[in-house]
């Protein structure tokens, strides 16, 4: 466990010793940003629905490969 490490090893791994760090100097955490995966998945669901409902497709089945590819990534 980290509390069993030598201080020099902690500093080498983390850049500081968490047991000696003055936590009032600066925060050691930050809010994590989202990856946007939820929004991307929702966009793919909307795209799939639109592709499946397009009235001006040249011939029936044109969108099938695209819908299949979307379904492989995000379930409908």
Protein backbone atom coordinates (compact mmCIF):
# COMPACT_ATOMS: atom_id res chain seq x y z
CA UNK A 1 0.00 0.00 0.00
CA UNK A 2 1.07 3.57 -0.60
CA UNK A 3 1.44 4.26 3.11
CA UNK A 4 4.19 1.64 3.15
CA UNK A 5 6.18 3.31 0.35
CA UNK A 6 9.31 5.34 0.93
CA UNK A 7 8.65 9.07 0.64
CA UNK A 8 11.11 9.34 -2.26
CA UNK A 9 9.13 6.67 -4.16
CA UNK A 10 5.87 8.53 -3.54
CA UNK A 11 7.41 11.74 -4.83
CA UNK A 12 8.77 9.93 -7.89
CA UNK A 13 5.35 8.41 -8.62
CA UNK A 14 3.05 11.30 -7.73
CA UNK A 15 5.25 14.35 -7.80
CA UNK A 16 4.68 14.95 -4.08
CA UNK A 17 4.22 13.06 -0.85
CA UNK A 18 0.52 12.98 0.02
CA UNK A 19 1.45 12.51 3.65
CA UNK A 20 3.52 15.71 3.72
CA UNK A 21 1.47 17.80 1.28
CA UNK A 22 -0.13 20.97 2.66
CA UNK A 23 -3.68 20.56 1.36
CA UNK A 24 -4.49 24.20 2.07
CA UNK A 25 -2.05 25.39 -0.62
CA UNK A 26 -3.91 24.15 -3.66
CA UNK A 27 -6.64 21.66 -4.44
CA UNK A 28 -5.38 18.23 -5.45
CA UNK A 29 -8.59 17.35 -7.29
CA UNK A 30 -10.71 18.83 -10.04
CA UNK A 31 -14.07 18.22 -11.62
CA UNK A 32 -13.82 15.58 -14.32
CA UNK A 33 -15.16 16.53 -17.71
CA UNK A 34 -17.43 14.10 -19.49
CA UNK A 35 -16.16 12.37 -22.59
CA UNK A 36 -19.27 13.33 -24.54
CA UNK A 37 -20.08 9.66 -25.14
CA UNK A 38 -23.67 10.06 -23.93
CA UNK A 39 -24.29 12.92 -26.35
CA UNK A 40 -22.62 11.02 -29.21
CA UNK A 41 -24.75 7.95 -28.50
CA UNK A 42 -27.92 10.04 -28.48
CA UNK A 43 -26.90 11.67 -31.77
CA UNK A 44 -26.41 8.22 -33.30
CA UNK A 45 -29.86 7.13 -32.08
CA UNK A 46 -31.42 10.22 -33.67
CA UNK A 47 -29.45 9.64 -36.91
CA UNK A 48 -30.62 6.02 -37.02
CA UNK A 49 -34.24 7.02 -36.54
CA UNK A 50 -33.97 9.65 -39.28
CA UNK A 51 -32.23 7.26 -41.68
CA UNK A 52 -34.93 4.70 -41.12
CA UNK A 53 -37.67 7.22 -41.87
CA UNK A 54 -36.21 9.05 -44.87
CA UNK A 55 -38.80 9.17 -47.65
CA UNK A 56 -36.42 10.06 -50.49
CA UNK A 57 -34.13 7.06 -50.35
CA UNK A 58 -33.16 6.05 -53.91
CA UNK A 59 -34.14 2.44 -53.35
CA UNK A 60 -35.33 0.44 -50.40
CA UNK A 61 -32.48 -0.88 -48.27
CA UNK A 62 -30.00 1.93 -49.07
CA UNK A 63 -29.77 2.84 -45.42
CA UNK A 64 -29.50 -0.73 -44.15
CA UNK A 65 -25.66 -0.83 -43.95
CA UNK A 66 -25.57 2.49 -42.11
CA UNK A 67 -28.29 1.45 -39.67
CA UNK A 68 -26.52 -1.86 -39.09
CA UNK A 69 -23.25 -0.04 -38.35
CA UNK A 70 -25.04 2.28 -35.91
CA UNK A 71 -26.74 -0.69 -34.23
CA UNK A 72 -23.34 -2.32 -33.73
CA UNK A 73 -22.24 0.70 -31.71
CA UNK A 74 -25.41 1.89 -30.00
CA UNK A 75 -28.50 -0.28 -29.56
CA UNK A 76 -31.64 1.31 -31.03
